[in-house]
Amino acid sequence: MKLNMGSWDRVIRLLITLIIVILLIAGVLKGSLAVILGIIAIIFFATSVFGFCPLYLIFGISSKKKAS
């Protein structure tokens, strides 16, 4: 598994995850929207931790800087 996410991409995904988790805990998000955003938060967290996004691989995208 080759890393394909840059550091800024990972930070942004973690921030989005944090915001969703706060909204879920505060009870702002409810119902099916809460479930959908919860799943997205889990996916964003996992991809940020591993530095690999399967969709980036499928579409040939990489936000990671090339080694000089």
PDB file of N, CA and C in Angstrom:
ATOM      1  N   MET A   1       0.854  -1.172   0.000  1.00  0.00           N
ATOM      2  CA  MET A   1       0.000   0.000   0.000  1.00  0.00           C
ATOM      3  C   MET A   1       0.902   1.238   0.000  1.00  0.00           C
ATOM      4  N   LYS A   2       0.872   1.964  -1.079  1.00  0.00           N
ATOM      5  CA  LYS A   2       1.681   3.167  -1.229  1.00  0.00           C
ATOM      6  C   LYS A   2       0.890   4.375  -0.735  1.00  0.00           C
ATOM      7  N   LEU A   3       1.526   5.197   0.094  1.00  0.00           N
ATOM      8  CA  LEU A   3       0.861   6.385   0.618  1.00  0.00           C
ATOM      9  C   LEU A   3       0.522   7.333  -0.528  1.00  0.00           C
ATOM     10  N   ASN A   4      -0.706   7.873  -0.504  1.00  0.00           N
ATOM     11  CA  ASN A   4      -1.105   8.790  -1.569  1.00  0.00           C
ATOM     12  C   ASN A   4      -1.797  10.042  -1.025  1.00  0.00           C
ATOM     13  N   MET A   5      -1.610  10.295   0.285  1.00  0.00           N
ATOM     14  CA  MET A   5      -2.206  11.486   0.885  1.00  0.00           C
ATOM     15  C   MET A   5      -1.112  12.352   1.496  1.00  0.00           C
ATOM     16  N   GLY A   6      -1.170  13.633   1.179  1.00  0.00           N
ATOM     17  CA  GLY A   6      -0.224  14.581   1.744  1.00  0.00           C
ATOM     18  C   GLY A   6      -0.614  14.976   3.155  1.00  0.00           C
ATOM     19  N   SER A   7       0.278  15.675   3.825  1.00  0.00           N
ATOM     20  CA  SER A   7       0.029  16.029   5.222  1.00  0.00           C
ATOM     21  C   SER A   7      -1.163  16.972   5.377  1.00  0.00           C
ATOM     22  N   TRP A   8      -1.308  17.936   4.476  1.00  0.00           N
ATOM     23  CA  TRP A   8      -2.448  18.859   4.583  1.00  0.00           C
ATOM     24  C   TRP A   8      -3.767  18.136   4.351  1.00  0.00           C
ATOM     25  N   ASP A   9      -3.776  17.224   3.433  1.00  0.00           N
ATOM     26  CA  ASP A   9      -4.974  16.426   3.162  1.00  0.00           C
ATOM     27  C   ASP A   9      -5.377  15.656   4.415  1.00  0.00           C
ATOM     28  N   ARG A  10      -4.397  15.074   5.085  1.00  0.00           N
ATOM     29  CA  ARG A  10      -4.659  14.298   6.298  1.00  0.00           C
ATOM     30  C   ARG A  10      -5.169  15.187   7.426  1.00  0.00           C
ATOM     31  N   VAL A  11      -4.566  16.361   7.579  1.00  0.00           N
ATOM     32  CA  VAL A  11      -4.978  17.296   8.638  1.00  0.00           C
ATOM     33  C   VAL A  11      -6.407  17.771   8.410  1.00  0.00           C
ATOM     34  N   ILE A  12      -6.731  18.115   7.183  1.00  0.00           N
ATOM     35  CA  ILE A  12      -8.087  18.583   6.863  1.00  0.00           C
ATOM     36  C   ILE A  12      -9.118  17.489   7.151  1.00  0.00           C
ATOM     37  N   ARG A  13      -8.804  16.260   6.780  1.00  0.00           N
ATOM     38  CA  ARG A  13      -9.731  15.151   7.043  1.00  0.00           C
ATOM     39  C   ARG A  13      -9.911  14.927   8.550  1.00  0.00           C
ATOM     40  N   LEU A  14      -8.829  15.061   9.312  1.00  0.00           N
ATOM     41  CA  LEU A  14      -8.941  14.904  10.762  1.00  0.00           C
ATOM     42  C   LEU A  14      -9.769  16.021  11.381  1.00  0.00           C
ATOM     43  N   LEU A  15      -9.624  17.238  10.870  1.00  0.00           N
ATOM     44  CA  LEU A  15     -10.433  18.352  11.375  1.00  0.00           C
ATOM     45  C   LEU A  15     -11.916  18.148  11.068  1.00  0.00           C
ATOM     46  N   ILE A  16     -12.209  17.681   9.863  1.00  0.00           N
ATOM     47  CA  ILE A  16     -13.599  17.396   9.498  1.00  0.00           C
ATOM     48  C   ILE A  16     -14.153  16.298  10.402  1.00  0.00           C
ATOM     49  N   THR A  17     -13.345  15.273  10.657  1.00  0.00           N
ATOM     50  CA  THR A  17     -13.751  14.201  11.558  1.00  0.00           C
ATOM     51  C   THR A  17     -14.054  14.742  12.944  1.00  0.00           C
ATOM     52  N   LEU A  18     -13.186  15.596  13.456  1.00  0.00           N
ATOM     53  CA  LEU A  18     -13.379  16.186  14.780  1.00  0.00           C
ATOM     54  C   LEU A  18     -14.672  16.999  14.851  1.00  0.00           C
ATOM     55  N   ILE A  19     -14.940  17.786  13.827  1.00  0.00           N
ATOM     56  CA  ILE A  19     -16.164  18.593  13.788  1.00  0.00           C
ATOM     57  C   ILE A  19     -17.404  17.694  13.792  1.00  0.00           C
ATOM     58  N   ILE A  20     -17.384  16.644  12.982  1.00  0.00           N
ATOM     59  CA  ILE A  20     -18.531  15.728  12.928  1.00  0.00           C
ATOM     60  C   ILE A  20     -18.736  15.055  14.281  1.00  0.00           C
ATOM     61  N   VAL A  21     -17.650  14.613  14.906  1.00  0.00           N
ATOM     62  CA  VAL A  21     -17.766  13.949  16.210  1.00  0.00           C
ATOM     63  C   VAL A  21     -18.334  14.904  17.255  1.00  0.00           C
ATOM     64  N   ILE A  22     -17.876  16.133  17.265  1.00  0.00           N
ATOM     65  CA  ILE A  22     -18.404  17.127  18.209  1.00  0.00           C
ATOM     66  C   ILE A  22     -19.897  17.350  17.979  1.00  0.00           C
ATOM     67  N   LEU A  23     -20.296  17.463  16.728  1.00  0.00           N
ATOM     68  CA  LEU A  23     -21.717  17.662  16.415  1.00  0.00           C
ATOM     69  C   LEU A  23     -22.559  16.443  16.813  1.00  0.00           C
ATOM     70  N   LEU A  24     -21.998  15.261  16.653  1.00  0.00           N
ATOM     71  CA  LEU A  24     -22.710  14.046  17.051  1.00  0.00           C
ATOM     72  C   LEU A  24     -22.860  13.977  18.570  1.00  0.00           C
ATOM     73  N   ILE A  25     -21.792  14.270  19.290  1.00  0.00           N
ATOM     74  CA  ILE A  25     -21.832  14.225  20.755  1.00  0.00           C
ATOM     75  C   ILE A  25     -22.780  15.287  21.305  1.00  0.00           C
ATOM     76  N   ALA A  26     -22.772  16.462  20.686  1.00  0.00           N
ATOM     77  CA  ALA A  26     -23.629  17.560  21.142  1.00  0.00           C
ATOM     78  C   ALA A  26     -25.101  17.315  20.803  1.00  0.00           C
ATOM     79  N   GLY A  27     -25.379  16.337  19.962  1.00  0.00           N
ATOM     80  CA  GLY A  27     -26.758  16.031  19.602  1.00  0.00           C
ATOM     81  C   GLY A  27     -27.318  16.918  18.507  1.00  0.00           C
ATOM     82  N   VAL A  28     -26.452  17.646  17.834  1.00  0.00           N
ATOM     83  CA  VAL A  28     -26.898  18.525  16.750  1.00  0.00           C
ATOM     84  C   VAL A  28     -27.330  17.688  15.540  1.00  0.00           C
ATOM     85  N   LEU A  29     -26.579  16.629  15.272  1.00  0.00           N
ATOM     86  CA  LEU A  29     -26.907  15.747  14.146  1.00  0.00           C
ATOM     87  C   LEU A  29     -27.737  14.581  14.663  1.00  0.00           C
ATOM     88  N   LYS A  30     -28.832  14.297  13.970  1.00  0.00           N
ATOM     89  CA  LYS A  30     -29.720  13.218  14.389  1.00  0.00           C
ATOM     90  C   LYS A  30     -30.210  12.437  13.179  1.00  0.00           C
ATOM     91  N   GLY A  31     -30.676  11.247  13.450  1.00  0.00           N
ATOM     92  CA  GLY A  31     -31.291  10.429  12.414  1.00  0.00           C
ATOM     93  C   GLY A  31     -30.315   9.901  11.389  1.00  0.00           C
ATOM     94  N   SER A  32     -30.810   9.773  10.177  1.00  0.00           N
ATOM     95  CA  SER A  32     -29.996   9.178   9.115  1.00  0.00           C
ATOM     96  C   SER A  32     -28.812  10.063   8.745  1.00  0.00           C
ATOM     97  N   LEU A  33     -28.957  11.374   8.885  1.00  0.00           N
ATOM     98  CA  LEU A  33     -27.827  12.270   8.618  1.00  0.00           C
ATOM     99  C   LEU A  33     -26.687  11.982   9.585  1.00  0.00           C
ATOM    100  N   ALA A  34     -27.005  11.727  10.844  1.00  0.00           N
ATOM    101  CA  ALA A  34     -25.993  11.408  11.850  1.00  0.00           C
ATOM    102  C   ALA A  34     -25.273  10.105  11.493  1.00  0.00           C
ATOM    103  N   VAL A  35     -26.022   9.128  11.030  1.00  0.00           N
ATOM    104  CA  VAL A  35     -25.424   7.844  10.664  1.00  0.00           C
ATOM    105  C   VAL A  35     -24.495   8.012   9.467  1.00  0.00           C
ATOM    106  N   ILE A  36     -24.957   8.704   8.443  1.00  0.00           N
ATOM    107  CA  ILE A  36     -24.157   8.909   7.234  1.00  0.00           C
ATOM    108  C   ILE A  36     -22.889   9.681   7.552  1.00  0.00           C
ATOM    109  N   LEU A  37     -23.016  10.787   8.289  1.00  0.00           N
ATOM    110  CA  LEU A  37     -21.832  11.574   8.627  1.00  0.00           C
ATOM    111  C   LEU A  37     -20.920  10.826   9.587  1.00  0.00           C
ATOM    112  N   GLY A  38     -21.481   9.985  10.440  1.00  0.00           N
ATOM    113  CA  GLY A  38     -20.665   9.151  11.317  1.00  0.00           C
ATOM    114  C   GLY A  38     -19.809   8.180  10.523  1.00  0.00           C
ATOM    115  N   ILE A  39     -20.395   7.580   9.513  1.00  0.00           N
ATOM    116  CA  ILE A  39     -19.643   6.664   8.647  1.00  0.00           C
ATOM    117  C   ILE A  39     -18.557   7.419   7.891  1.00  0.00           C
ATOM    118  N   ILE A  40     -18.885   8.595   7.387  1.00  0.00           N
ATOM    119  CA  ILE A  40     -17.887   9.415   6.685  1.00  0.00           C
ATOM    120  C   ILE A  40     -16.749   9.788   7.631  1.00  0.00           C
ATOM    121  N   ALA A  41     -17.081  10.120   8.882  1.00  0.00           N
ATOM    122  CA  ALA A  41     -16.056  10.465   9.863  1.00  0.00           C
ATOM    123  C   ALA A  41     -15.118   9.289  10.116  1.00  0.00           C
ATOM    124  N   ILE A  42     -15.678   8.092  10.212  1.00  0.00           N
ATOM    125  CA  ILE A  42     -14.857   6.894  10.421  1.00  0.00           C
ATOM    126  C   ILE A  42     -13.922   6.677   9.231  1.00  0.00           C
ATOM    127  N   ILE A  43     -14.448   6.839   8.036  1.00  0.00           N
ATOM    128  CA  ILE A  43     -13.634   6.665   6.823  1.00  0.00           C
ATOM    129  C   ILE A  43     -12.538   7.723   6.759  1.00  0.00           C
ATOM    130  N   PHE A  44     -12.885   8.982   7.029  1.00  0.00           N
ATOM    131  CA  PHE A  44     -11.887  10.058   7.011  1.00  0.00           C
ATOM    132  C   PHE A  44     -10.802   9.813   8.053  1.00  0.00           C
ATOM    133  N   PHE A  45     -11.202   9.353   9.241  1.00  0.00           N
ATOM    134  CA  PHE A  45     -10.218   9.078  10.290  1.00  0.00           C
ATOM    135  C   PHE A  45      -9.265   7.966   9.854  1.00  0.00           C
ATOM    136  N   ALA A  46      -9.815   6.876   9.341  1.00  0.00           N
ATOM    137  CA  ALA A  46      -8.991   5.742   8.923  1.00  0.00           C
ATOM    138  C   ALA A  46      -8.032   6.126   7.796  1.00  0.00           C
ATOM    139  N   THR A  47      -8.531   6.842   6.796  1.00  0.00           N
ATOM    140  CA  THR A  47      -7.659   7.218   5.685  1.00  0.00           C
ATOM    141  C   THR A  47      -6.584   8.196   6.143  1.00  0.00           C
ATOM    142  N   SER A  48      -6.891   9.047   7.102  1.00  0.00           N
ATOM    143  CA  SER A  48      -5.899   9.986   7.624  1.00  0.00           C
ATOM    144  C   SER A  48      -4.810   9.263   8.405  1.00  0.00           C
ATOM    145  N   VAL A  49      -5.215   8.300   9.207  1.00  0.00           N
ATOM    146  CA  VAL A  49      -4.239   7.553  10.010  1.00  0.00           C
ATOM    147  C   VAL A  49      -3.302   6.750   9.111  1.00  0.00           C
ATOM    148  N   PHE A  50      -3.853   6.096   8.108  1.00  0.00           N
ATOM    149  CA  PHE A  50      -3.042   5.253   7.234  1.00  0.00           C
ATOM    150  C   PHE A  50      -2.358   6.016   6.102  1.00  0.00           C
ATOM    151  N   GLY A  51      -2.850   7.227   5.786  1.00  0.00           N
ATOM    152  CA  GLY A  51      -2.248   8.017   4.711  1.00  0.00           C
ATOM    153  C   GLY A  51      -2.548   7.464   3.330  1.00  0.00           C
ATOM    154  N   PHE A  52      -3.589   6.680   3.231  1.00  0.00           N
ATOM    155  CA  PHE A  52      -3.941   6.034   1.972  1.00  0.00           C
ATOM    156  C   PHE A  52      -5.440   6.160   1.733  1.00  0.00           C
ATOM    157  N   CYS A  53      -5.814   6.639   0.557  1.00  0.00           N
ATOM    158  CA  CYS A  53      -7.219   6.759   0.190  1.00  0.00           C
ATOM    159  C   CYS A  53      -7.485   5.874  -1.036  1.00  0.00           C
ATOM    160  N   PRO A  54      -8.335   4.852  -0.892  1.00  0.00           N
ATOM    161  CA  PRO A  54      -8.623   3.966  -2.025  1.00  0.00           C
ATOM    162  C   PRO A  54      -9.210   4.699  -3.233  1.00  0.00           C
ATOM    163  N   LEU A  55     -10.033   5.718  -3.007  1.00  0.00           N
ATOM    164  CA  LEU A  55     -10.592   6.462  -4.138  1.00  0.00           C
ATOM    165  C   LEU A  55      -9.502   7.202  -4.905  1.00  0.00           C
ATOM    166  N   TYR A  56      -8.500   7.700  -4.201  1.00  0.00           N
ATOM    167  CA  TYR A  56      -7.383   8.355  -4.881  1.00  0.00           C
ATOM    168  C   TYR A  56      -6.691   7.354  -5.800  1.00  0.00           C
ATOM    169  N   LEU A  57      -6.541   6.123  -5.333  1.00  0.00           N
ATOM    170  CA  LEU A  57      -5.898   5.090  -6.145  1.00  0.00           C
ATOM    171  C   LEU A  57      -6.711   4.811  -7.402  1.00  0.00           C
ATOM    172  N   ILE A  58      -8.021   4.689  -7.249  1.00  0.00           N
ATOM    173  CA  ILE A  58      -8.900   4.396  -8.384  1.00  0.00           C
ATOM    174  C   ILE A  58      -8.819   5.495  -9.443  1.00  0.00           C
ATOM    175  N   PHE A  59      -8.811   6.770  -8.983  1.00  0.00           N
ATOM    176  CA  PHE A  59      -8.802   7.890  -9.919  1.00  0.00           C
ATOM    177  C   PHE A  59      -7.399   8.387 -10.254  1.00  0.00           C
ATOM    178  N   GLY A  60      -6.371   7.744  -9.721  1.00  0.00           N
ATOM    179  CA  GLY A  60      -4.987   8.104 -10.031  1.00  0.00           C
ATOM    180  C   GLY A  60      -4.578   9.440  -9.440  1.00  0.00           C
ATOM    181  N   ILE A  61      -5.128   9.792  -8.290  1.00  0.00           N
ATOM    182  CA  ILE A  61      -4.846  11.065  -7.635  1.00  0.00           C
ATOM    183  C   ILE A  61      -3.849  10.824  -6.492  1.00  0.00           C
ATOM    184  N   SER A  62      -3.000  11.805  -6.246  1.00  0.00           N
ATOM    185  CA  SER A  62      -2.129  11.768  -5.085  1.00  0.00           C
ATOM    186  C   SER A  62      -1.912  13.197  -4.601  1.00  0.00           C
ATOM    187  N   SER A  63      -2.144  13.437  -3.326  1.00  0.00           N
ATOM    188  CA  SER A  63      -1.889  14.765  -2.768  1.00  0.00           C
ATOM    189  C   SER A  63      -0.545  14.795  -2.038  1.00  0.00           C
ATOM    190  N   LYS A  64       0.177  13.684  -2.105  1.00  0.00           N
ATOM    191  CA  LYS A  64       1.479  13.588  -1.471  1.00  0.00           C
ATOM    192  C   LYS A  64       2.533  14.203  -2.384  1.00  0.00           C
ATOM    193  N   LYS A  65       3.430  14.971  -1.775  1.00  0.00           N
ATOM    194  CA  LYS A  65       4.497  15.589  -2.565  1.00  0.00           C
ATOM    195  C   LYS A  65       5.438  14.540  -3.100  1.00  0.00           C
ATOM    196  N   LYS A  66       5.908  14.773  -4.307  1.00  0.00           N
ATOM    197  CA  LYS A  66       6.873  13.871  -4.913  1.00  0.00           C
ATOM    198  C   LYS A  66       8.238  14.047  -4.241  1.00  0.00           C
ATOM    199  N   ALA A  67       8.942  12.957  -4.055  1.00  0.00           N
ATOM    200  CA  ALA A  67      10.284  13.041  -3.474  1.00  0.00           C
ATOM    201  C   ALA A  67      11.241  13.695  -4.475  1.00  0.00           C
ATOM    202  N   SER A  68      12.080  14.566  -3.968  1.00  0.00           N
ATOM    203  CA  SER A  68      13.004  15.293  -4.846  1.00  0.00           C
ATOM    204  C   SER A  68      14.193  14.459  -5.213  1.00  0.00           C
TER     205      SER A  68
END
